[in-house]
Amino acid sequence: MSVFKIGLGSIGVGKPSIGSRGAPPANYGFERGVNISGQEAAGTTSAMISNEAIDYFASKGVDTIRFTYSMERIQPIPGGPLAQPYASQIKNRVDYITSKGIKVVLDPHNALRFIVNGVINDNSITGGTKVLIGQHVLFTNAHFADHHVKVHNYLHGPLTFHSLMNEPCDNNGTPGDGLFVDAALLRETYNTAIAALRAAGYSDVIFWSGKDFGNIYSWEANSDNRNVLAPGLVDPLNRLATDLHVYVDPWSSGTSSTVTDNFIDKLDQFAAYARSVGLKAFVGEFGTAHDAASISALSQLVAYFETNRDVFPYGYTYWTAVQFQPDGLLQILPIDLTNGGVPGPYTDRPQMDILESYFSEVPRKPTFVVPPSFGGYAVPANGLVGRASYGGVTAFPAAEMSYQWQYFDGAWRDIEGATSFTHPFGSQDVGYLVRRGSTATNSEGSTTAYTDAAGPVQSSPPPGYRWEYVTESTATDPNVEEDGTRVVELTRIAA
């Protein structure tokens, strides 16, 4: 067995830093794109994305594709050679993508696990011993460095880039696998691979995923990501960026169509921290379901990434396009293309209505593809608020939003001073129908859309009903802010 070895002493080239300082290198800037996934879970040619699907994304103006793969399938023996035909299948797809001028981020989709001596089948890996990468003698840091160098040498080109690992996490799977990641050991695993890639001649950006899935909740104060990983990663070229995953469900998991109210607040908290320490991020995964509330949330997310480029200088890739999942919750590949290559035209998914204006970079006046909708009544005595959704806005450049709440007394009239996203109704509003106007503005113009009328605002619920908070979880209420206040939707339910 040939094992690439590198001493940890060679890592300390250059100063320790937050691991993401410095301007983006010339070859990879603010890029917009999608994930292509599925090939990490299956080894057959049919699981590989089709030429027609790649052509579809190229036609939309996609800059980058984050391309997932399986470490066991491409290199079954730690330290061993790359395996055929899987390696050549991956290379074939990467070469076709880059032939379109699209960048590829190579993403080992292993959650910091490796099944040693497993039996590799077309759609599964059975048997063997599952271990944590860099935390077990069967798969050491040297094995991890060897993997990245061999993949780099096999797939390297001016449009290929490296991500170290997707979503290191504790107790992965259902039921959990009982493996728990040590953040300090993960830091050294990453540092070994960074040093190896630099020694192999790779000089562009390296993306790294935080512990605990690397999602927006894993970057809270006192997290391992803030305290151990980010300040401890070392790159002599200072070209690192964390691979942040952002979903709008209560767990930021991308497994539910539920939309929370606090995902922008969580992004604000991350951005404030990132700015304070010089951390740079690439949004490697974000996505929503297809319903109106989800598309509204998607519109907010993309506008946030676009207007906070100092924090996200490497852009974003939507999760996901999968060749063989026509009904996937977050699927962006047209249903016509999910079963293989067929000639167009194709029917876009609703998510593409939002993303295409950014992918194409064609200046476009804001348009509401999903209108804002009203989210509740209010009880003035309790200081509760009315709220309405953002709405799904397609625009380029990203639109700035402004708001005006109104009441109806034979004509719609502005509520004085009510120009926030939410509005706390008072006794003066009782008895009136209300609505909110949302105005999206960019350099190409402005568009205003209104919610449907709601109400009339009532000081107490009608007979047979009661007011109740809407919450998604009894264990953890995502609508409770850190200072203990609530900004939540209200509904009427039978008493």
Protein backbone atom coordinates (compact mmCIF):
# COMPACT_ATOMS: atom_id res chain seq x y z
CA MET A 1 0.00 0.00 0.00
CA SER A 2 1.38 3.37 -1.00
CA VAL A 3 0.56 6.02 1.59
CA PHE A 4 1.29 9.72 1.16
CA LYS A 5 2.96 10.95 4.33
CA ILE A 6 3.42 14.47 5.52
CA GLY A 7 4.76 15.57 8.86
CA LEU A 8 2.62 17.91 10.88
CA GLY A 9 5.69 20.06 11.39
CA SER A 10 5.50 21.14 7.77
CA ILE A 11 2.09 22.67 8.26
CA GLY A 12 3.29 25.74 10.08
CA VAL A 13 4.16 27.70 6.96
CA GLY A 14 2.82 31.18 7.32
CA LYS A 15 1.04 32.67 10.29
CA PRO A 16 -1.94 31.05 12.00
CA SER A 17 -5.05 32.96 11.07
CA ILE A 18 -8.80 32.76 11.05
CA GLY A 19 -8.23 30.61 8.01
CA SER A 20 -10.10 32.77 5.52
CA ARG A 21 -8.34 36.11 5.30
CA GLY A 22 -7.17 37.74 2.10
CA ALA A 23 -8.82 38.74 -1.16
CA PRO A 24 -10.32 36.02 -3.36
CA PRO A 25 -7.82 34.70 -5.87
CA ALA A 26 -8.21 35.58 -9.52
CA ASN A 27 -9.55 32.23 -10.68
CA TYR A 28 -12.43 32.03 -8.22
CA GLY A 29 -14.46 35.09 -7.31
CA PHE A 30 -18.12 35.71 -6.58
CA GLU A 31 -19.67 32.76 -8.40
CA ARG A 32 -23.29 31.63 -8.66
CA GLY A 33 -24.33 28.07 -9.30
CA VAL A 34 -25.87 24.79 -8.24
CA ASN A 35 -24.92 21.49 -6.66
CA ILE A 36 -24.97 18.36 -8.75
CA SER A 37 -25.41 15.42 -6.40
CA GLY A 38 -26.33 11.76 -6.45
CA GLN A 39 -23.06 10.39 -7.78
CA GLU A 40 -21.80 10.16 -4.18
CA ALA A 41 -24.53 7.60 -3.47
CA ALA A 42 -24.43 5.45 -6.59
CA GLY A 43 -21.67 4.10 -8.77
CA THR A 44 -23.49 3.48 -12.02
CA THR A 45 -23.21 5.56 -15.17
CA SER A 46 -26.96 6.25 -15.01
CA ALA A 47 -26.46 8.11 -11.71
CA MET A 48 -24.10 10.57 -13.38
CA ILE A 49 -25.58 13.86 -14.49
CA SER A 50 -26.43 13.94 -18.20
CA ASN A 51 -24.91 16.21 -20.85
CA GLU A 52 -28.37 17.69 -21.38
CA ALA A 53 -28.68 18.63 -17.71
CA ILE A 54 -25.29 20.32 -17.75
CA ASP A 55 -26.24 22.12 -20.97
CA TYR A 56 -29.44 23.31 -19.27
CA PHE A 57 -27.51 24.94 -16.42
CA ALA A 58 -25.00 26.41 -18.84
CA SER A 59 -27.90 28.01 -20.75
CA LYS A 60 -29.07 29.64 -17.51
CA GLY A 61 -25.69 31.29 -16.95
CA VAL A 62 -24.46 29.11 -14.06
CA ASP A 63 -20.85 29.97 -13.12
CA THR A 64 -20.05 27.09 -10.78
CA ILE A 65 -21.14 23.55 -9.99
CA ARG A 66 -20.36 22.00 -6.63
CA PHE A 67 -19.87 18.37 -7.59
CA THR A 68 -20.27 15.69 -4.92
CA TYR A 69 -18.51 12.35 -4.93
CA SER A 70 -17.84 9.35 -2.68
CA MET A 71 -14.37 8.88 -1.23
CA GLU A 72 -14.86 5.10 -0.93
CA ARG A 73 -15.92 4.77 -4.55
CA ILE A 74 -13.08 6.82 -6.01
CA GLN A 75 -10.38 5.47 -3.64
CA PRO A 76 -11.60 2.31 -1.87
CA ILE A 77 -8.31 1.59 -0.10
CA PRO A 78 -6.95 4.40 2.12
CA GLY A 79 -3.69 5.47 0.51
CA GLY A 80 -4.35 3.27 -2.52
CA PRO A 81 -4.88 4.11 -6.19
CA LEU A 82 -7.99 5.74 -7.60
CA ALA A 83 -10.53 3.15 -8.71
CA GLN A 84 -12.04 2.59 -12.13
CA PRO A 85 -14.54 2.96 -13.64
CA TYR A 86 -15.84 5.41 -11.02
CA ALA A 87 -12.85 7.78 -11.26
CA SER A 88 -13.09 7.98 -15.05
CA GLN A 89 -16.87 8.54 -14.81
CA ILE A 90 -16.27 11.47 -12.48
CA LYS A 91 -13.54 12.84 -14.74
CA ASN A 92 -15.80 12.55 -17.77
CA ARG A 93 -18.47 14.66 -16.07
CA VAL A 94 -16.00 17.20 -14.69
CA ASP A 95 -14.39 17.58 -18.11
CA TYR A 96 -17.77 18.12 -19.77
CA ILE A 97 -18.78 20.74 -17.18
CA THR A 98 -15.53 22.67 -17.51
CA SER A 99 -15.75 22.49 -21.31
CA LYS A 100 -18.77 24.78 -20.93
CA GLY A 101 -16.65 27.31 -19.05
CA ILE A 102 -18.25 26.35 -15.72
CA LYS A 103 -16.10 26.00 -12.61
CA VAL A 104 -16.27 22.80 -10.54
CA VAL A 105 -15.89 22.56 -6.76
CA LEU A 106 -14.93 18.96 -5.94
CA ASP A 107 -16.76 17.93 -2.78
CA PRO A 108 -16.08 14.64 -0.95
CA HIS A 109 -19.54 13.99 0.45
CA ASN A 110 -18.59 11.76 3.38
CA ALA A 111 -19.53 13.62 6.59
CA LEU A 112 -15.97 12.81 7.83
CA ARG A 113 -16.75 9.06 7.63
CA PHE A 114 -15.01 6.34 5.66
CA ILE A 115 -16.04 2.69 5.40
CA VAL A 116 -12.81 0.69 5.38
CA ASN A 117 -12.92 -2.68 3.59
CA GLY A 118 -16.56 -2.21 2.61
CA VAL A 119 -18.23 -4.02 -0.25
CA ILE A 120 -19.01 -1.39 -2.87
CA ASN A 121 -22.25 -2.07 -4.73
CA ASP A 122 -23.98 0.04 -7.35
CA ASN A 123 -26.28 1.74 -4.85
CA SER A 124 -24.75 1.02 -1.44
CA ILE A 125 -21.60 0.18 0.50
CA THR A 126 -22.07 -2.72 2.88
CA GLY A 127 -19.95 -4.35 5.57
CA GLY A 128 -16.53 -3.04 6.49
CA THR A 129 -15.66 -0.74 9.38
CA LYS A 130 -16.94 2.82 9.49
CA VAL A 131 -14.43 5.21 11.06
CA LEU A 132 -13.95 8.93 11.48
CA ILE A 133 -11.39 10.33 9.07
CA GLY A 134 -8.26 11.49 10.89
CA GLN A 135 -9.49 10.04 14.18
CA HIS A 136 -8.79 6.34 13.64
CA VAL A 137 -5.69 4.34 12.71
CA LEU A 138 -7.53 2.86 9.71
CA PHE A 139 -7.91 6.30 8.14
CA THR A 140 -5.29 8.79 9.27
CA ASN A 141 -4.54 12.39 8.41
CA ALA A 142 -1.89 11.11 6.00
CA HIS A 143 -4.56 9.05 4.20
CA PHE A 144 -6.74 12.15 3.97
CA ALA A 145 -3.91 14.23 2.52
CA ASP A 146 -3.10 11.44 0.07
CA HIS A 147 -6.72 11.37 -1.07
CA HIS A 148 -6.84 15.09 -1.86
CA VAL A 149 -3.50 15.08 -3.66
CA LYS A 150 -4.48 12.12 -5.86
CA VAL A 151 -7.87 13.62 -6.69
CA HIS A 152 -6.17 16.94 -7.43
CA ASN A 153 -3.62 15.34 -9.73
CA TYR A 154 -6.30 13.33 -11.58
CA LEU A 155 -8.94 16.04 -11.99
CA HIS A 156 -6.95 19.26 -11.79
CA GLY A 157 -7.52 22.01 -14.32
CA PRO A 158 -7.87 25.81 -14.32
CA LEU A 159 -11.59 25.49 -13.54
CA THR A 160 -11.46 22.85 -10.76
CA PHE A 161 -11.36 23.75 -7.07
CA HIS A 162 -11.26 21.85 -3.79
CA SER A 163 -13.54 21.47 -0.80
CA LEU A 164 -12.02 19.42 2.02
CA MET A 165 -15.12 17.67 3.36
CA ASN A 166 -18.89 17.95 3.43
CA GLU A 167 -20.66 18.36 6.79
CA PRO A 168 -18.55 16.74 9.53
CA CYS A 169 -21.04 15.84 12.22
CA ASP A 170 -21.72 13.81 15.35
CA ASN A 171 -23.76 10.61 15.43
CA ASN A 172 -24.64 10.74 11.73
CA GLY A 173 -27.64 8.96 10.23
CA THR A 174 -30.87 7.47 11.53
CA PRO A 175 -30.26 5.77 13.85
CA GLY A 176 -27.02 7.56 14.67
CA ASP A 177 -23.74 5.78 14.02
CA GLY A 178 -22.27 6.58 17.45
CA LEU A 179 -19.27 8.46 16.05
CA PHE A 180 -18.44 11.87 17.51
CA VAL A 181 -16.09 14.41 15.95
CA ASP A 182 -13.27 15.93 18.01
CA ALA A 183 -12.93 19.50 16.72
CA ALA A 184 -9.23 19.79 17.62
CA LEU A 185 -8.44 16.60 15.71
CA LEU A 186 -10.54 17.79 12.77
CA ARG A 187 -8.52 21.01 12.72
CA GLU A 188 -5.31 19.00 12.33
CA THR A 189 -6.91 16.80 9.66
CA TYR A 190 -7.81 19.89 7.68
CA ASN A 191 -4.39 21.47 8.19
CA THR A 192 -2.65 18.34 6.91
CA ALA A 193 -4.74 18.34 3.72
CA ILE A 194 -4.27 22.09 3.19
CA ALA A 195 -0.49 21.72 3.44
CA ALA A 196 -0.54 18.70 1.09
CA LEU A 197 -2.59 20.49 -1.57
CA ARG A 198 -0.28 23.49 -1.44
CA ALA A 199 2.77 21.22 -1.70
CA ALA A 200 1.15 19.57 -4.74
CA GLY A 201 0.96 22.94 -6.49
CA TYR A 202 -2.69 23.83 -5.94
CA SER A 203 -2.78 27.59 -5.26
CA ASP A 204 -6.43 28.58 -5.40
CA VAL A 205 -9.15 28.75 -2.75
CA ILE A 206 -9.77 25.78 -0.45
CA PHE A 207 -13.23 25.44 1.09
CA TRP A 208 -13.74 23.81 4.47
CA SER A 209 -16.95 22.79 6.22
CA GLY A 210 -17.54 23.55 9.87
CA LYS A 211 -18.37 20.87 12.42
CA ASP A 212 -22.01 20.00 13.18
CA PHE A 213 -22.95 20.06 9.49
CA GLY A 214 -21.42 23.51 9.01
CA ASN A 215 -24.91 25.02 8.96
CA ILE A 216 -25.94 28.45 10.17
CA TYR A 217 -26.79 27.14 13.66
CA SER A 218 -23.34 25.56 14.09
CA TRP A 219 -21.72 29.02 14.22
CA GLU A 220 -23.31 30.21 17.46
CA ALA A 221 -21.19 31.85 20.14
CA ASN A 222 -18.89 29.36 21.93
CA SER A 223 -19.22 26.83 19.10
CA ASP A 224 -16.31 24.64 18.02
CA ASN A 225 -16.41 26.37 14.65
CA ARG A 226 -15.74 29.76 16.22
CA ASN A 227 -13.37 28.66 18.96
CA VAL A 228 -11.39 25.76 17.47
CA LEU A 229 -11.62 25.45 13.70
CA ALA A 230 -11.74 28.98 12.30
CA PRO A 231 -8.86 30.41 14.38
CA GLY A 232 -6.74 27.27 14.05
CA LEU A 233 -6.59 26.65 10.30
CA VAL A 234 -3.34 27.61 8.62
CA ASP A 235 -2.75 28.33 4.94
CA PRO A 236 0.49 29.86 3.64
CA LEU A 237 -1.53 31.51 0.84
CA ASN A 238 -4.39 32.73 3.07
CA ARG A 239 -6.94 31.44 0.58
CA LEU A 240 -9.44 29.56 2.71
CA ALA A 241 -13.19 30.02 3.07
CA THR A 242 -15.73 28.17 5.16
CA ASP A 243 -18.42 26.24 3.29
CA LEU A 244 -21.60 27.48 4.98
CA HIS A 245 -24.92 25.67 4.61
CA VAL A 246 -28.10 27.70 4.97
CA TYR A 247 -31.60 26.24 5.02
CA VAL A 248 -34.80 27.89 6.26
CA ASP A 249 -36.40 25.01 8.20
CA PRO A 250 -36.17 24.96 12.02
CA TRP A 251 -33.00 22.83 12.05
CA SER A 252 -31.34 24.32 8.93
CA SER A 253 -31.26 20.77 7.59
CA GLY A 254 -32.92 21.07 4.19
CA THR A 255 -35.23 18.19 5.08
CA SER A 256 -38.48 20.10 5.70
CA SER A 257 -40.64 22.58 3.80
CA THR A 258 -41.34 24.47 7.03
CA VAL A 259 -40.05 28.06 6.90
CA THR A 260 -38.90 29.70 10.13
CA ASP A 261 -39.02 33.40 10.87
CA ASN A 262 -35.45 33.75 12.10
CA PHE A 263 -33.14 32.61 9.30
CA ILE A 264 -32.19 36.18 8.35
CA ASP A 265 -31.47 36.96 12.01
CA LYS A 266 -29.14 33.94 12.12
CA LEU A 267 -27.40 35.14 8.96
CA ASP A 268 -27.00 38.59 10.53
CA GLN A 269 -25.36 37.00 13.57
CA PHE A 270 -23.00 34.98 11.39
CA ALA A 271 -22.15 38.02 9.26
CA ALA A 272 -21.39 40.16 12.31
CA TYR A 273 -19.03 37.50 13.65
CA ALA A 274 -17.40 36.96 10.25
CA ARG A 275 -16.73 40.66 9.82
CA SER A 276 -15.28 40.93 13.32
CA VAL A 277 -12.62 38.27 12.65
CA GLY A 278 -12.14 38.46 8.89
CA LEU A 279 -13.82 35.12 8.13
CA LYS A 280 -14.84 34.60 4.50
CA ALA A 281 -17.60 32.21 3.42
CA PHE A 282 -18.87 30.32 0.43
CA VAL A 283 -22.53 29.26 0.66
CA GLY A 284 -22.00 25.72 -0.60
CA GLU A 285 -25.57 24.67 0.11
CA PHE A 286 -28.87 26.49 0.41
CA GLY A 287 -32.27 25.61 -0.91
CA THR A 288 -36.00 25.62 -0.39
CA ALA A 289 -39.08 23.66 -1.35
CA HIS A 290 -41.36 24.69 -4.23
CA ASP A 291 -44.32 26.28 -2.37
CA ALA A 292 -44.98 30.02 -2.20
CA ALA A 293 -43.64 30.53 1.34
CA SER A 294 -40.45 28.68 0.44
CA ILE A 295 -39.91 30.64 -2.78
CA SER A 296 -40.36 33.85 -0.80
CA ALA A 297 -37.66 32.67 1.61
CA LEU A 298 -35.38 31.75 -1.30
CA SER A 299 -35.76 35.27 -2.65
CA GLN A 300 -34.63 36.66 0.71
CA LEU A 301 -31.65 34.33 0.91
CA VAL A 302 -30.24 35.13 -2.51
CA ALA A 303 -30.70 38.88 -2.04
CA TYR A 304 -28.85 38.56 1.28
CA PHE A 305 -25.88 36.77 -0.28
CA GLU A 306 -25.77 39.26 -3.13
CA THR A 307 -25.78 42.32 -0.88
CA ASN A 308 -23.29 40.98 1.69
CA ARG A 309 -20.44 40.05 -0.63
CA ASP A 310 -17.80 41.09 1.88
CA VAL A 311 -18.91 38.09 3.96
CA PHE A 312 -19.69 35.80 0.98
CA PRO A 313 -17.01 36.75 -1.59
CA TYR A 314 -17.11 33.29 -3.17
CA GLY A 315 -20.84 33.30 -3.91
CA TYR A 316 -23.26 30.42 -3.57
CA THR A 317 -24.46 27.11 -5.03
CA TYR A 318 -28.09 25.98 -4.76
CA TRP A 319 -28.80 22.48 -3.39
CA THR A 320 -29.51 20.53 -5.54
CA ALA A 321 -29.82 18.89 -8.97
CA VAL A 322 -30.15 15.08 -8.83
CA GLN A 323 -30.42 12.93 -11.93
CA PHE A 324 -32.76 10.30 -10.51
CA GLN A 325 -35.08 12.15 -8.06
CA PRO A 326 -37.97 13.75 -9.96
CA ASP A 327 -39.84 14.62 -6.77
CA GLY A 328 -36.97 15.74 -4.51
CA LEU A 329 -37.99 18.39 -1.96
CA LEU A 330 -35.35 20.90 -3.09
CA GLN A 331 -34.87 19.60 -6.65
CA ILE A 332 -34.01 22.27 -9.21
CA LEU A 333 -33.40 20.01 -12.20
CA PRO A 334 -36.45 20.12 -14.53
CA ILE A 335 -38.57 17.01 -14.18
CA ASP A 336 -38.05 16.33 -17.90
CA LEU A 337 -34.33 15.84 -17.20
CA THR A 338 -34.42 13.78 -14.03
CA ASN A 339 -34.67 10.46 -15.85
CA GLY A 340 -31.80 11.11 -18.23
CA GLY A 341 -30.97 13.17 -21.25
CA VAL A 342 -33.98 14.23 -23.30
CA PRO A 343 -34.25 17.12 -25.76
CA GLY A 344 -35.78 20.40 -24.58
CA PRO A 345 -37.52 22.71 -24.11
CA TYR A 346 -37.78 22.10 -20.37
CA THR A 347 -40.15 23.35 -17.69
CA ASP A 348 -38.23 25.33 -15.08
CA ARG A 349 -38.73 24.62 -11.40
CA PRO A 350 -40.09 27.57 -9.36
CA GLN A 351 -36.68 28.05 -7.72
CA MET A 352 -35.16 28.83 -11.12
CA ASP A 353 -37.57 31.75 -11.50
CA ILE A 354 -35.70 33.43 -8.64
CA LEU A 355 -32.17 32.26 -9.45
CA GLU A 356 -32.04 32.75 -13.21
CA SER A 357 -31.90 36.53 -13.05
CA TYR A 358 -28.76 36.27 -10.91
CA PHE A 359 -27.21 33.47 -12.97
CA SER A 360 -27.66 35.37 -16.24
CA GLU A 361 -26.59 38.77 -14.79
CA VAL A 362 -28.91 40.52 -17.24
CA PRO A 363 -30.18 43.77 -15.66
CA ARG A 364 -33.81 43.28 -14.74
CA LYS A 365 -36.41 45.42 -13.02
CA PRO A 366 -37.77 43.69 -9.90
CA THR A 367 -40.76 41.43 -10.46
CA PHE A 368 -42.79 39.63 -7.81
CA VAL A 369 -43.12 36.06 -9.04
CA VAL A 370 -44.73 35.26 -5.66
CA PRO A 371 -46.70 38.10 -4.02
CA PRO A 372 -46.28 38.82 -0.31
CA SER A 373 -48.96 37.26 1.86
CA PHE A 374 -50.38 38.32 5.20
CA GLY A 375 -49.51 36.18 8.18
CA GLY A 376 -51.80 36.90 11.09
CA TYR A 377 -54.09 38.98 13.28
CA ALA A 378 -53.14 40.87 16.43
CA VAL A 379 -54.28 41.54 19.98
CA PRO A 380 -53.22 45.10 20.78
CA ALA A 381 -53.41 44.67 24.56
CA ASN A 382 -50.66 42.04 24.34
CA GLY A 383 -48.45 44.05 22.02
CA LEU A 384 -48.54 41.40 19.30
CA VAL A 385 -47.66 42.06 15.72
CA GLY A 386 -49.00 41.59 12.25
CA ARG A 387 -46.55 40.28 9.71
CA ALA A 388 -46.44 39.46 6.03
CA SER A 389 -44.06 37.40 3.95
CA TYR A 390 -41.25 38.90 1.89
CA GLY A 391 -42.61 37.73 -1.44
CA GLY A 392 -40.65 36.07 -4.22
CA VAL A 393 -38.69 38.74 -6.11
CA THR A 394 -36.67 38.19 -9.25
CA ALA A 395 -34.31 41.05 -10.11
CA PHE A 396 -30.77 41.94 -11.10
CA PRO A 397 -29.02 43.60 -9.38
CA ALA A 398 -30.53 42.48 -6.10
CA ALA A 399 -33.46 44.62 -5.02
CA GLU A 400 -33.68 46.69 -1.86
CA MET A 401 -36.99 46.34 -0.04
CA SER A 402 -39.17 48.96 1.62
CA TYR A 403 -42.57 48.57 3.26
CA GLN A 404 -45.76 50.48 4.00
CA TRP A 405 -48.67 49.16 6.07
CA GLN A 406 -52.13 50.47 5.20
CA TYR A 407 -55.68 50.45 6.57
CA PHE A 408 -58.98 50.65 4.67
CA ASP A 409 -61.77 53.13 5.45
CA GLY A 410 -63.33 53.26 1.98
CA ALA A 411 -59.89 53.80 0.43
CA TRP A 412 -56.48 52.41 1.29
CA ARG A 413 -54.51 54.84 3.45
CA ASP A 414 -51.00 54.64 4.86
CA ILE A 415 -50.61 53.92 8.56
CA GLU A 416 -48.32 56.71 9.68
CA GLY A 417 -44.86 55.46 10.58
CA ALA A 418 -45.70 51.84 9.73
CA THR A 419 -42.80 51.20 7.37
CA SER A 420 -41.21 48.09 8.87
CA PHE A 421 -41.35 44.45 7.79
CA THR A 422 -43.68 43.78 10.76
CA HIS A 423 -46.15 46.14 12.41
CA PRO A 424 -47.50 46.16 16.00
CA PHE A 425 -51.18 47.03 15.62
CA GLY A 426 -52.72 49.26 18.27
CA SER A 427 -56.22 50.07 19.44
CA GLN A 428 -56.52 52.67 16.66
CA ASP A 429 -56.35 49.83 14.12
CA VAL A 430 -59.19 47.75 15.56
CA GLY A 431 -62.05 47.30 13.11
CA TYR A 432 -60.07 48.08 9.97
CA LEU A 433 -58.94 45.83 7.17
CA VAL A 434 -55.15 46.02 6.79
CA ARG A 435 -52.51 45.13 4.24
CA ARG A 436 -48.82 45.66 3.60
CA GLY A 437 -47.19 47.06 0.50
CA SER A 438 -43.73 45.75 -0.42
CA THR A 439 -41.63 47.78 -2.84
CA ALA A 440 -38.59 46.21 -4.52
CA THR A 441 -36.12 48.70 -6.01
CA ASN A 442 -32.92 48.35 -7.99
CA SER A 443 -31.13 50.37 -10.66
CA GLU A 444 -33.65 49.20 -13.27
CA GLY A 445 -36.74 50.50 -11.43
CA SER A 446 -39.27 49.73 -8.70
CA THR A 447 -42.22 47.40 -8.33
CA THR A 448 -44.77 47.35 -5.52
CA ALA A 449 -46.94 44.40 -4.55
CA TYR A 450 -49.60 44.24 -1.84
CA THR A 451 -50.81 41.45 0.36
CA ASP A 452 -54.48 40.56 0.24
CA ALA A 453 -56.58 42.46 2.74
CA ALA A 454 -56.67 40.87 6.18
CA GLY A 455 -58.79 41.47 9.21
CA PRO A 456 -60.57 43.42 10.38
CA VAL A 457 -58.07 43.77 13.22
CA GLN A 458 -59.73 42.58 16.42
CA SER A 459 -59.01 43.28 20.05
CA SER A 460 -60.22 39.82 21.02
CA PRO A 461 -60.85 36.63 19.07
CA PRO A 462 -64.37 35.92 17.77
CA PRO A 463 -66.59 33.58 19.78
CA GLY A 464 -65.45 29.99 19.61
CA TYR A 465 -61.83 30.87 18.77
CA ARG A 466 -58.66 31.71 20.67
CA TRP A 467 -55.34 33.32 19.81
CA GLU A 468 -52.37 31.00 19.71
CA TYR A 469 -48.71 31.23 18.78
CA VAL A 470 -47.68 29.23 15.75
CA THR A 471 -44.59 27.19 16.62
CA GLU A 472 -42.85 24.46 14.65
CA SER A 473 -41.25 22.64 17.56
CA THR A 474 -42.21 22.02 21.14
CA ALA A 475 -38.60 21.29 22.08
CA THR A 476 -36.92 24.31 20.48
CA ASP A 477 -39.01 27.27 19.38
CA PRO A 478 -37.10 28.89 16.48
CA ASN A 479 -39.27 32.02 16.80
CA VAL A 480 -37.90 32.95 20.22
CA GLU A 481 -35.10 35.44 19.79
CA GLU A 482 -32.03 35.38 22.02
CA ASP A 483 -33.28 38.34 24.05
CA GLY A 484 -36.47 36.43 24.84
CA THR A 485 -38.87 38.49 22.71
CA ARG A 486 -41.24 36.97 20.20
CA VAL A 487 -42.07 38.06 16.69
CA VAL A 488 -44.40 35.34 15.56
CA GLU A 489 -47.38 34.71 13.36
CA LEU A 490 -50.77 34.35 15.03
CA THR A 491 -53.70 32.30 13.89
CA ARG A 492 -57.24 31.58 15.02
CA ILE A 493 -58.01 28.02 15.99
CA ALA A 494 -61.12 26.40 17.40
CA ALA A 495 -61.35 26.87 21.18
